[in-house]
Amino acid sequence: MVKNKRECFKTWQQTRSKESFEKYKCAKKEVKKMVSEAKSKAYDDLYTKLGTLEGEKIIYKIAKLRDRKTKDLHSIKCIKSEDSRVLVKDEEIKERWKDGKAILKNY
């Protein structure tokens, strides 16, 4: 169905006729229905899995994923210690800054 929609779109782009546009709209509606049905089925499967013991692991995975997505990648700070080890934790970075010899690296 998706291939049919793509073909209809291409023919509409080439011809710009009303008939081809109507075909494209029809195909687009059908594909949207199929996608929404597939999504609802996938969510139903997910919700049934969440009720099991395995579902707890899935919940934690989802929570970790959402947490990672919210983190700002542009404000990552890391510095090197005296023994050229990369320090990432805030406490270690603060201790290194207290020494006064730290060089800041922004990625």
PDB file of N, CA and C in Angstrom:
ATOM      1  N   MET A   1       0.814  -1.200   0.000  1.00  0.00           N
ATOM      2  CA  MET A   1       0.000   0.000   0.000  1.00  0.00           C
ATOM      3  C   MET A   1       0.860   1.268   0.000  1.00  0.00           C
ATOM      4  N   VAL A   2       1.963   1.221   0.721  1.00  0.00           N
ATOM      5  CA  VAL A   2       2.823   2.395   0.786  1.00  0.00           C
ATOM      6  C   VAL A   2       3.456   2.652  -0.586  1.00  0.00           C
ATOM      7  N   LYS A   3       3.840   1.561  -1.256  1.00  0.00           N
ATOM      8  CA  LYS A   3       4.416   1.726  -2.591  1.00  0.00           C
ATOM      9  C   LYS A   3       3.381   2.331  -3.541  1.00  0.00           C
ATOM     10  N   ASN A   4       2.145   1.882  -3.405  1.00  0.00           N
ATOM     11  CA  ASN A   4       1.056   2.414  -4.234  1.00  0.00           C
ATOM     12  C   ASN A   4       0.897   3.911  -3.982  1.00  0.00           C
ATOM     13  N   LYS A   5       0.965   4.311  -2.707  1.00  0.00           N
ATOM     14  CA  LYS A   5       0.847   5.733  -2.361  1.00  0.00           C
ATOM     15  C   LYS A   5       1.991   6.532  -2.977  1.00  0.00           C
ATOM     16  N   ARG A   6       3.200   5.985  -2.901  1.00  0.00           N
ATOM     17  CA  ARG A   6       4.361   6.681  -3.473  1.00  0.00           C
ATOM     18  C   ARG A   6       4.202   6.842  -4.986  1.00  0.00           C
ATOM     19  N   GLU A   7       3.748   5.781  -5.625  1.00  0.00           N
ATOM     20  CA  GLU A   7       3.542   5.857  -7.076  1.00  0.00           C
ATOM     21  C   GLU A   7       2.476   6.890  -7.427  1.00  0.00           C
ATOM     22  N   CYS A   8       1.390   6.894  -6.661  1.00  0.00           N
ATOM     23  CA  CYS A   8       0.327   7.882  -6.892  1.00  0.00           C
ATOM     24  C   CYS A   8       0.861   9.303  -6.708  1.00  0.00           C
ATOM     25  N   PHE A   9       1.699   9.485  -5.715  1.00  0.00           N
ATOM     26  CA  PHE A   9       2.271  10.807  -5.466  1.00  0.00           C
ATOM     27  C   PHE A   9       3.152  11.235  -6.636  1.00  0.00           C
ATOM     28  N   LYS A  10       3.974  10.306  -7.113  1.00  0.00           N
ATOM     29  CA  LYS A  10       4.860  10.630  -8.237  1.00  0.00           C
ATOM     30  C   LYS A  10       4.064  10.987  -9.485  1.00  0.00           C
ATOM     31  N   THR A  11       3.019  10.220  -9.766  1.00  0.00           N
ATOM     32  CA  THR A  11       2.212  10.527 -10.948  1.00  0.00           C
ATOM     33  C   THR A  11       1.511  11.861 -10.775  1.00  0.00           C
ATOM     34  N   TRP A  12       1.048  12.155  -9.572  1.00  0.00           N
ATOM     35  CA  TRP A  12       0.399  13.440  -9.340  1.00  0.00           C
ATOM     36  C   TRP A  12       1.400  14.585  -9.516  1.00  0.00           C
ATOM     37  N   GLN A  13       2.638  14.408  -9.030  1.00  0.00           N
ATOM     38  CA  GLN A  13       3.664  15.437  -9.182  1.00  0.00           C
ATOM     39  C   GLN A  13       3.985  15.698 -10.657  1.00  0.00           C
ATOM     40  N   GLN A  14       3.962  14.636 -11.451  1.00  0.00           N
ATOM     41  CA  GLN A  14       4.290  14.786 -12.863  1.00  0.00           C
ATOM     42  C   GLN A  14       3.139  15.376 -13.664  1.00  0.00           C
ATOM     43  N   THR A  15       1.923  14.906 -13.401  1.00  0.00           N
ATOM     44  CA  THR A  15       0.784  15.324 -14.222  1.00  0.00           C
ATOM     45  C   THR A  15       0.056  16.537 -13.680  1.00  0.00           C
ATOM     46  N   ARG A  16      -0.012  16.657 -12.367  1.00  0.00           N
ATOM     47  CA  ARG A  16      -0.764  17.732 -11.705  1.00  0.00           C
ATOM     48  C   ARG A  16      -2.240  17.737 -12.104  1.00  0.00           C
ATOM     49  N   SER A  17      -2.766  16.550 -12.360  1.00  0.00           N
ATOM     50  CA  SER A  17      -4.178  16.466 -12.713  1.00  0.00           C
ATOM     51  C   SER A  17      -5.010  16.218 -11.454  1.00  0.00           C
ATOM     52  N   LYS A  18      -6.288  16.555 -11.565  1.00  0.00           N
ATOM     53  CA  LYS A  18      -7.188  16.392 -10.434  1.00  0.00           C
ATOM     54  C   LYS A  18      -7.419  14.915 -10.119  1.00  0.00           C
ATOM     55  N   GLU A  19      -7.500  14.103 -11.188  1.00  0.00           N
ATOM     56  CA  GLU A  19      -7.741  12.670 -10.996  1.00  0.00           C
ATOM     57  C   GLU A  19      -6.595  12.003 -10.234  1.00  0.00           C
ATOM     58  N   SER A  20      -5.370  12.332 -10.616  1.00  0.00           N
ATOM     59  CA  SER A  20      -4.221  11.727  -9.944  1.00  0.00           C
ATOM     60  C   SER A  20      -4.135  12.206  -8.496  1.00  0.00           C
ATOM     61  N   PHE A  21      -4.540  13.452  -8.250  1.00  0.00           N
ATOM     62  CA  PHE A  21      -4.533  13.960  -6.886  1.00  0.00           C
ATOM     63  C   PHE A  21      -5.560  13.223  -6.028  1.00  0.00           C
ATOM     64  N   GLU A  22      -6.735  12.952  -6.597  1.00  0.00           N
ATOM     65  CA  GLU A  22      -7.766  12.209  -5.857  1.00  0.00           C
ATOM     66  C   GLU A  22      -7.283  10.790  -5.546  1.00  0.00           C
ATOM     67  N   LYS A  23      -6.611  10.171  -6.509  1.00  0.00           N
ATOM     68  CA  LYS A  23      -6.052   8.830  -6.273  1.00  0.00           C
ATOM     69  C   LYS A  23      -5.037   8.876  -5.138  1.00  0.00           C
ATOM     70  N   TYR A  24      -4.202   9.896  -5.171  1.00  0.00           N
ATOM     71  CA  TYR A  24      -3.180  10.045  -4.141  1.00  0.00           C
ATOM     72  C   TYR A  24      -3.811  10.238  -2.771  1.00  0.00           C
ATOM     73  N   LYS A  25      -4.838  11.086  -2.683  1.00  0.00           N
ATOM     74  CA  LYS A  25      -5.510  11.324  -1.403  1.00  0.00           C
ATOM     75  C   LYS A  25      -6.114  10.040  -0.858  1.00  0.00           C
ATOM     76  N   CYS A  26      -6.726   9.264  -1.740  1.00  0.00           N
ATOM     77  CA  CYS A  26      -7.341   7.993  -1.342  1.00  0.00           C
ATOM     78  C   CYS A  26      -6.277   7.030  -0.796  1.00  0.00           C
ATOM     79  N   ALA A  27      -5.184   6.911  -1.540  1.00  0.00           N
ATOM     80  CA  ALA A  27      -4.108   6.017  -1.127  1.00  0.00           C
ATOM     81  C   ALA A  27      -3.507   6.486   0.195  1.00  0.00           C
ATOM     82  N   LYS A  28      -3.406   7.797   0.359  1.00  0.00           N
ATOM     83  CA  LYS A  28      -2.847   8.360   1.579  1.00  0.00           C
ATOM     84  C   LYS A  28      -3.720   8.025   2.793  1.00  0.00           C
ATOM     85  N   LYS A  29      -5.045   8.117   2.618  1.00  0.00           N
ATOM     86  CA  LYS A  29      -5.968   7.787   3.696  1.00  0.00           C
ATOM     87  C   LYS A  29      -5.848   6.317   4.092  1.00  0.00           C
ATOM     88  N   GLU A  30      -5.738   5.447   3.091  1.00  0.00           N
ATOM     89  CA  GLU A  30      -5.621   4.018   3.374  1.00  0.00           C
ATOM     90  C   GLU A  30      -4.339   3.718   4.146  1.00  0.00           C
ATOM     91  N   VAL A  31      -3.249   4.346   3.734  1.00  0.00           N
ATOM     92  CA  VAL A  31      -1.977   4.118   4.412  1.00  0.00           C
ATOM     93  C   VAL A  31      -2.044   4.648   5.837  1.00  0.00           C
ATOM     94  N   LYS A  32      -2.669   5.792   6.039  1.00  0.00           N
ATOM     95  CA  LYS A  32      -2.809   6.339   7.390  1.00  0.00           C
ATOM     96  C   LYS A  32      -3.588   5.387   8.286  1.00  0.00           C
ATOM     97  N   LYS A  33      -4.651   4.794   7.729  1.00  0.00           N
ATOM     98  CA  LYS A  33      -5.431   3.824   8.503  1.00  0.00           C
ATOM     99  C   LYS A  33      -4.570   2.638   8.889  1.00  0.00           C
ATOM    100  N   MET A  34      -3.803   2.127   7.930  1.00  0.00           N
ATOM    101  CA  MET A  34      -2.955   0.967   8.191  1.00  0.00           C
ATOM    102  C   MET A  34      -1.903   1.277   9.260  1.00  0.00           C
ATOM    103  N   VAL A  35      -1.320   2.448   9.169  1.00  0.00           N
ATOM    104  CA  VAL A  35      -0.293   2.839  10.135  1.00  0.00           C
ATOM    105  C   VAL A  35      -0.902   2.981  11.524  1.00  0.00           C
ATOM    106  N   SER A  36      -2.052   3.611  11.612  1.00  0.00           N
ATOM    107  CA  SER A  36      -2.680   3.788  12.924  1.00  0.00           C
ATOM    108  C   SER A  36      -3.086   2.444  13.522  1.00  0.00           C
ATOM    109  N   GLU A  37      -3.568   1.511  12.694  1.00  0.00           N
ATOM    110  CA  GLU A  37      -3.915   0.187  13.186  1.00  0.00           C
ATOM    111  C   GLU A  37      -2.673  -0.547  13.683  1.00  0.00           C
ATOM    112  N   ALA A  38      -1.584  -0.446  12.942  1.00  0.00           N
ATOM    113  CA  ALA A  38      -0.338  -1.103  13.346  1.00  0.00           C
ATOM    114  C   ALA A  38       0.189  -0.515  14.649  1.00  0.00           C
ATOM    115  N   LYS A  39       0.106   0.825  14.772  1.00  0.00           N
ATOM    116  CA  LYS A  39       0.570   1.462  15.998  1.00  0.00           C
ATOM    117  C   LYS A  39      -0.278   1.042  17.187  1.00  0.00           C
ATOM    118  N   SER A  40      -1.599   1.024  17.003  1.00  0.00           N
ATOM    119  CA  SER A  40      -2.472   0.644  18.110  1.00  0.00           C
ATOM    120  C   SER A  40      -2.231  -0.800  18.518  1.00  0.00           C
ATOM    121  N   LYS A  41      -1.986  -1.684  17.556  1.00  0.00           N
ATOM    122  CA  LYS A  41      -1.693  -3.081  17.865  1.00  0.00           C
ATOM    123  C   LYS A  41      -0.386  -3.183  18.638  1.00  0.00           C
ATOM    124  N   ALA A  42       0.630  -2.422  18.208  1.00  0.00           N
ATOM    125  CA  ALA A  42       1.920  -2.446  18.894  1.00  0.00           C
ATOM    126  C   ALA A  42       1.782  -1.936  20.325  1.00  0.00           C
ATOM    127  N   TYR A  43       1.005  -0.862  20.508  1.00  0.00           N
ATOM    128  CA  TYR A  43       0.806  -0.343  21.864  1.00  0.00           C
ATOM    129  C   TYR A  43       0.010  -1.320  22.718  1.00  0.00           C
ATOM    130  N   ASP A  44      -0.978  -1.981  22.138  1.00  0.00           N
ATOM    131  CA  ASP A  44      -1.725  -2.982  22.885  1.00  0.00           C
ATOM    132  C   ASP A  44      -0.812  -4.110  23.350  1.00  0.00           C
ATOM    133  N   ASP A  45       0.067  -4.559  22.464  1.00  0.00           N
ATOM    134  CA  ASP A  45       1.025  -5.600  22.840  1.00  0.00           C
ATOM    135  C   ASP A  45       1.942  -5.120  23.960  1.00  0.00           C
ATOM    136  N   LEU A  46       2.395  -3.872  23.847  1.00  0.00           N
ATOM    137  CA  LEU A  46       3.261  -3.306  24.877  1.00  0.00           C
ATOM    138  C   LEU A  46       2.541  -3.242  26.216  1.00  0.00           C
ATOM    139  N   TYR A  47       1.297  -2.785  26.218  1.00  0.00           N
ATOM    140  CA  TYR A  47       0.551  -2.657  27.467  1.00  0.00           C
ATOM    141  C   TYR A  47       0.284  -4.015  28.100  1.00  0.00           C
ATOM    142  N   THR A  48       0.064  -5.041  27.286  1.00  0.00           N
ATOM    143  CA  THR A  48      -0.132  -6.369  27.872  1.00  0.00           C
ATOM    144  C   THR A  48       1.179  -6.898  28.455  1.00  0.00           C
ATOM    145  N   LYS A  49       2.312  -6.565  27.824  1.00  0.00           N
ATOM    146  CA  LYS A  49       3.616  -6.987  28.346  1.00  0.00           C
ATOM    147  C   LYS A  49       3.947  -6.266  29.642  1.00  0.00           C
ATOM    148  N   LEU A  50       3.501  -5.027  29.789  1.00  0.00           N
ATOM    149  CA  LEU A  50       3.843  -4.252  30.981  1.00  0.00           C
ATOM    150  C   LEU A  50       3.254  -4.845  32.250  1.00  0.00           C
ATOM    151  N   GLY A  51       2.226  -5.647  32.120  1.00  0.00           N
ATOM    152  CA  GLY A  51       1.603  -6.273  33.280  1.00  0.00           C
ATOM    153  C   GLY A  51       2.388  -7.455  33.821  1.00  0.00           C
ATOM    154  N   THR A  52       3.395  -7.925  33.110  1.00  0.00           N
ATOM    155  CA  THR A  52       4.171  -9.093  33.536  1.00  0.00           C
ATOM    156  C   THR A  52       5.457  -8.659  34.242  1.00  0.00           C
ATOM    157  N   LEU A  53       6.211  -9.661  34.725  1.00  0.00           N
ATOM    158  CA  LEU A  53       7.494  -9.359  35.359  1.00  0.00           C
ATOM    159  C   LEU A  53       8.489  -8.797  34.351  1.00  0.00           C
ATOM    160  N   GLU A  54       8.431  -9.290  33.137  1.00  0.00           N
ATOM    161  CA  GLU A  54       9.297  -8.765  32.085  1.00  0.00           C
ATOM    162  C   GLU A  54       8.961  -7.304  31.793  1.00  0.00           C
ATOM    163  N   GLY A  55       7.710  -6.948  32.026  1.00  0.00           N
ATOM    164  CA  GLY A  55       7.267  -5.581  31.789  1.00  0.00           C
ATOM    165  C   GLY A  55       7.966  -4.569  32.663  1.00  0.00           C
ATOM    166  N   GLU A  56       8.370  -4.981  33.875  1.00  0.00           N
ATOM    167  CA  GLU A  56       9.090  -4.061  34.752  1.00  0.00           C
ATOM    168  C   GLU A  56      10.401  -3.635  34.118  1.00  0.00           C
ATOM    169  N   LYS A  57      11.092  -4.584  33.495  1.00  0.00           N
ATOM    170  CA  LYS A  57      12.351  -4.262  32.822  1.00  0.00           C
ATOM    171  C   LYS A  57      12.099  -3.284  31.677  1.00  0.00           C
ATOM    172  N   ILE A  58      11.013  -3.505  30.970  1.00  0.00           N
ATOM    173  CA  ILE A  58      10.674  -2.626  29.851  1.00  0.00           C
ATOM    174  C   ILE A  58      10.397  -1.209  30.351  1.00  0.00           C
ATOM    175  N   ILE A  59       9.708  -1.116  31.484  1.00  0.00           N
ATOM    176  CA  ILE A  59       9.396   0.198  32.052  1.00  0.00           C
ATOM    177  C   ILE A  59      10.684   0.953  32.378  1.00  0.00           C
ATOM    178  N   TYR A  60      11.640   0.255  32.986  1.00  0.00           N
ATOM    179  CA  TYR A  60      12.902   0.908  33.320  1.00  0.00           C
ATOM    180  C   TYR A  60      13.680   1.298  32.071  1.00  0.00           C
ATOM    181  N   LYS A  61      13.627   0.478  31.038  1.00  0.00           N
ATOM    182  CA  LYS A  61      14.289   0.819  29.782  1.00  0.00           C
ATOM    183  C   LYS A  61      13.680   2.075  29.177  1.00  0.00           C
ATOM    184  N   ILE A  62      12.356   2.151  29.196  1.00  0.00           N
ATOM    185  CA  ILE A  62      11.664   3.328  28.659  1.00  0.00           C
ATOM    186  C   ILE A  62      12.032   4.567  29.463  1.00  0.00           C
ATOM    187  N   ALA A  63      12.080   4.428  30.781  1.00  0.00           N
ATOM    188  CA  ALA A  63      12.424   5.567  31.635  1.00  0.00           C
ATOM    189  C   ALA A  63      13.845   6.043  31.365  1.00  0.00           C
ATOM    190  N   LYS A  64      14.790   5.108  31.208  1.00  0.00           N
ATOM    191  CA  LYS A  64      16.171   5.484  30.901  1.00  0.00           C
ATOM    192  C   LYS A  64      16.253   6.194  29.557  1.00  0.00           C
ATOM    193  N   LEU A  65      15.523   5.669  28.578  1.00  0.00           N
ATOM    194  CA  LEU A  65      15.529   6.264  27.247  1.00  0.00           C
ATOM    195  C   LEU A  65      15.022   7.697  27.299  1.00  0.00           C
ATOM    196  N   ARG A  66      13.909   7.906  27.997  1.00  0.00           N
ATOM    197  CA  ARG A  66      13.348   9.254  28.098  1.00  0.00           C
ATOM    198  C   ARG A  66      14.293  10.190  28.830  1.00  0.00           C
ATOM    199  N   ASP A  67      14.961   9.671  29.847  1.00  0.00           N
ATOM    200  CA  ASP A  67      15.909  10.497  30.580  1.00  0.00           C
ATOM    201  C   ASP A  67      17.075  10.902  29.691  1.00  0.00           C
ATOM    202  N   ARG A  68      17.593   9.959  28.899  1.00  0.00           N
ATOM    203  CA  ARG A  68      18.698  10.264  27.997  1.00  0.00           C
ATOM    204  C   ARG A  68      18.302  11.281  26.941  1.00  0.00           C
ATOM    205  N   LYS A  69      17.068  11.203  26.482  1.00  0.00           N
ATOM    206  CA  LYS A  69      16.612  12.134  25.448  1.00  0.00           C
ATOM    207  C   LYS A  69      16.518  13.558  25.974  1.00  0.00           C
ATOM    208  N   THR A  70      16.259  13.728  27.254  1.00  0.00           N
ATOM    209  CA  THR A  70      16.095  15.070  27.810  1.00  0.00           C
ATOM    210  C   THR A  70      17.424  15.728  28.148  1.00  0.00           C
ATOM    211  N   LYS A  71      18.503  14.954  28.201  1.00  0.00           N
ATOM    212  CA  LYS A  71      19.796  15.535  28.566  1.00  0.00           C
ATOM    213  C   LYS A  71      20.328  16.381  27.422  1.00  0.00           C
ATOM    214  N   ASP A  72      20.957  17.459  27.796  1.00  0.00           N
ATOM    215  CA  ASP A  72      21.522  18.387  26.826  1.00  0.00           C
ATOM    216  C   ASP A  72      22.928  17.928  26.464  1.00  0.00           C
ATOM    217  N   LEU A  73      23.132  17.585  25.216  1.00  0.00           N
ATOM    218  CA  LEU A  73      24.427  17.089  24.783  1.00  0.00           C
ATOM    219  C   LEU A  73      25.456  18.186  24.595  1.00  0.00           C
ATOM    220  N   HIS A  74      25.015  19.428  24.517  1.00  0.00           N
ATOM    221  CA  HIS A  74      25.936  20.525  24.267  1.00  0.00           C
ATOM    222  C   HIS A  74      26.633  21.010  25.528  1.00  0.00           C
ATOM    223  N   SER A  75      26.151  20.599  26.678  1.00  0.00           N
ATOM    224  CA  SER A  75      26.770  21.083  27.907  1.00  0.00           C
ATOM    225  C   SER A  75      27.567  19.992  28.616  1.00  0.00           C
ATOM    226  N   ILE A  76      28.066  19.046  27.866  1.00  0.00           N
ATOM    227  CA  ILE A  76      28.880  17.993  28.462  1.00  0.00           C
ATOM    228  C   ILE A  76      30.253  18.569  28.780  1.00  0.00           C
ATOM    229  N   LYS A  77      30.688  18.382  30.021  1.00  0.00           N
ATOM    230  CA  LYS A  77      31.989  18.872  30.434  1.00  0.00           C
ATOM    231  C   LYS A  77      32.807  17.698  30.924  1.00  0.00           C
ATOM    232  N   CYS A  78      34.049  17.683  30.557  1.00  0.00           N
ATOM    233  CA  CYS A  78      34.962  16.704  31.119  1.00  0.00           C
ATOM    234  C   CYS A  78      36.352  17.313  31.124  1.00  0.00           C
ATOM    235  N   ILE A  79      37.092  16.963  32.145  1.00  0.00           N
ATOM    236  CA  ILE A  79      38.459  17.447  32.239  1.00  0.00           C
ATOM    237  C   ILE A  79      39.354  16.257  32.550  1.00  0.00           C
ATOM    238  N   LYS A  80      40.634  16.461  32.401  1.00  0.00           N
ATOM    239  CA  LYS A  80      41.585  15.382  32.678  1.00  0.00           C
ATOM    240  C   LYS A  80      42.205  15.583  34.052  1.00  0.00           C
ATOM    241  N   SER A  81      42.445  14.465  34.716  1.00  0.00           N
ATOM    242  CA  SER A  81      43.120  14.517  35.994  1.00  0.00           C
ATOM    243  C   SER A  81      44.625  14.575  35.761  1.00  0.00           C
ATOM    244  N   GLU A  82      45.385  14.611  36.843  1.00  0.00           N
ATOM    245  CA  GLU A  82      46.837  14.691  36.720  1.00  0.00           C
ATOM    246  C   GLU A  82      47.421  13.472  36.020  1.00  0.00           C
ATOM    247  N   ASP A  83      46.757  12.315  36.206  1.00  0.00           N
ATOM    248  CA  ASP A  83      47.255  11.097  35.571  1.00  0.00           C
ATOM    249  C   ASP A  83      46.595  10.855  34.211  1.00  0.00           C
ATOM    250  N   SER A  84      46.091  11.921  33.577  1.00  0.00           N
ATOM    251  CA  SER A  84      45.490  11.907  32.231  1.00  0.00           C
ATOM    252  C   SER A  84      44.246  11.036  32.127  1.00  0.00           C
ATOM    253  N   ARG A  85      43.547  10.868  33.241  1.00  0.00           N
ATOM    254  CA  ARG A  85      42.285  10.142  33.245  1.00  0.00           C
ATOM    255  C   ARG A  85      41.168  11.164  33.062  1.00  0.00           C
ATOM    256  N   VAL A  86      40.172  10.850  32.232  1.00  0.00           N
ATOM    257  CA  VAL A  86      39.086  11.784  31.962  1.00  0.00           C
ATOM    258  C   VAL A  86      38.105  11.757  33.122  1.00  0.00           C
ATOM    259  N   LEU A  87      37.819  12.919  33.672  1.00  0.00           N
ATOM    260  CA  LEU A  87      36.871  13.058  34.774  1.00  0.00           C
ATOM    261  C   LEU A  87      35.547  13.573  34.233  1.00  0.00           C
ATOM    262  N   VAL A  88      34.485  12.883  34.561  1.00  0.00           N
ATOM    263  CA  VAL A  88      33.177  13.267  34.055  1.00  0.00           C
ATOM    264  C   VAL A  88      32.235  13.636  35.202  1.00  0.00           C
ATOM    265  N   LYS A  89      32.382  12.981  36.323  1.00  0.00           N
ATOM    266  CA  LYS A  89      31.484  13.225  37.458  1.00  0.00           C
ATOM    267  C   LYS A  89      31.705  14.622  38.017  1.00  0.00           C
ATOM    268  N   ASP A  90      30.612  15.258  38.421  1.00  0.00           N
ATOM    269  CA  ASP A  90      30.683  16.636  38.925  1.00  0.00           C
ATOM    270  C   ASP A  90      31.600  16.773  40.141  1.00  0.00           C
ATOM    271  N   GLU A  91      31.522  15.795  41.055  1.00  0.00           N
ATOM    272  CA  GLU A  91      32.337  15.881  42.262  1.00  0.00           C
ATOM    273  C   GLU A  91      33.824  15.848  41.924  1.00  0.00           C
ATOM    274  N   GLU A  92      34.193  14.936  41.018  1.00  0.00           N
ATOM    275  CA  GLU A  92      35.601  14.819  40.632  1.00  0.00           C
ATOM    276  C   GLU A  92      36.076  16.089  39.922  1.00  0.00           C
ATOM    277  N   ILE A  93      35.219  16.652  39.079  1.00  0.00           N
ATOM    278  CA  ILE A  93      35.570  17.879  38.362  1.00  0.00           C
ATOM    279  C   ILE A  93      35.776  19.020  39.347  1.00  0.00           C
ATOM    280  N   LYS A  94      34.894  19.132  40.350  1.00  0.00           N
ATOM    281  CA  LYS A  94      35.034  20.194  41.350  1.00  0.00           C
ATOM    282  C   LYS A  94      36.331  20.058  42.143  1.00  0.00           C
ATOM    283  N   GLU A  95      36.662  18.817  42.485  1.00  0.00           N
ATOM    284  CA  GLU A  95      37.915  18.583  43.204  1.00  0.00           C
ATOM    285  C   GLU A  95      39.110  18.989  42.350  1.00  0.00           C
ATOM    286  N   ARG A  96      39.051  18.668  41.084  1.00  0.00           N
ATOM    287  CA  ARG A  96      40.156  19.006  40.175  1.00  0.00           C
ATOM    288  C   ARG A  96      40.265  20.525  40.007  1.00  0.00           C
ATOM    289  N   TRP A  97      39.119  21.206  39.943  1.00  0.00           N
ATOM    290  CA  TRP A  97      39.132  22.667  39.817  1.00  0.00           C
ATOM    291  C   TRP A  97      39.743  23.303  41.057  1.00  0.00           C
ATOM    292  N   LYS A  98      39.528  22.661  42.203  1.00  0.00           N
ATOM    293  CA  LYS A  98      40.110  23.201  43.440  1.00  0.00           C
ATOM    294  C   LYS A  98      41.634  23.171  43.386  1.00  0.00           C
ATOM    295  N   ASP A  99      42.160  22.164  42.672  1.00  0.00           N
ATOM    296  CA  ASP A  99      43.618  22.083  42.515  1.00  0.00           C
ATOM    297  C   ASP A  99      44.138  23.249  41.690  1.00  0.00           C
ATOM    298  N   GLY A 100      43.341  23.767  40.773  1.00  0.00           N
ATOM    299  CA  GLY A 100      43.720  24.915  39.990  1.00  0.00           C
ATOM    300  C   GLY A 100      44.506  24.595  38.737  1.00  0.00           C
ATOM    301  N   LYS A 101      44.675  23.331  38.428  1.00  0.00           N
ATOM    302  CA  LYS A 101      45.460  22.952  37.263  1.00  0.00           C
ATOM    303  C   LYS A 101      44.622  22.292  36.190  1.00  0.00           C
ATOM    304  N   ALA A 102      43.340  22.420  36.262  1.00  0.00           N
ATOM    305  CA  ALA A 102      42.453  21.715  35.332  1.00  0.00           C
ATOM    306  C   ALA A 102      42.323  22.472  34.021  1.00  0.00           C
ATOM    307  N   ILE A 103      42.195  21.726  32.967  1.00  0.00           N
ATOM    308  CA  ILE A 103      41.939  22.291  31.639  1.00  0.00           C
ATOM    309  C   ILE A 103      40.601  21.775  31.186  1.00  0.00           C
ATOM    310  N   LEU A 104      39.685  22.675  30.876  1.00  0.00           N
ATOM    311  CA  LEU A 104      38.323  22.309  30.501  1.00  0.00           C
ATOM    312  C   LEU A 104      38.251  21.928  29.029  1.00  0.00           C
ATOM    313  N   LYS A 105      37.549  20.844  28.736  1.00  0.00           N
ATOM    314  CA  LYS A 105      37.332  20.414  27.350  1.00  0.00           C
ATOM    315  C   LYS A 105      35.825  20.343  27.107  1.00  0.00           C
ATOM    316  N   ASN A 106      35.336  21.098  26.159  1.00  0.00           N
ATOM    317  CA  ASN A 106      33.919  21.016  25.766  1.00  0.00           C
ATOM    318  C   ASN A 106      33.834  20.278  24.459  1.00  0.00           C
ATOM    319  N   TYR A 107      32.906  19.350  24.371  1.00  0.00           N
ATOM    320  CA  TYR A 107      32.722  18.577  23.136  1.00  0.00           C
ATOM    321  C   TYR A 107      31.469  18.987  22.438  1.00  0.00           C
TER     322      TYR A 107
END
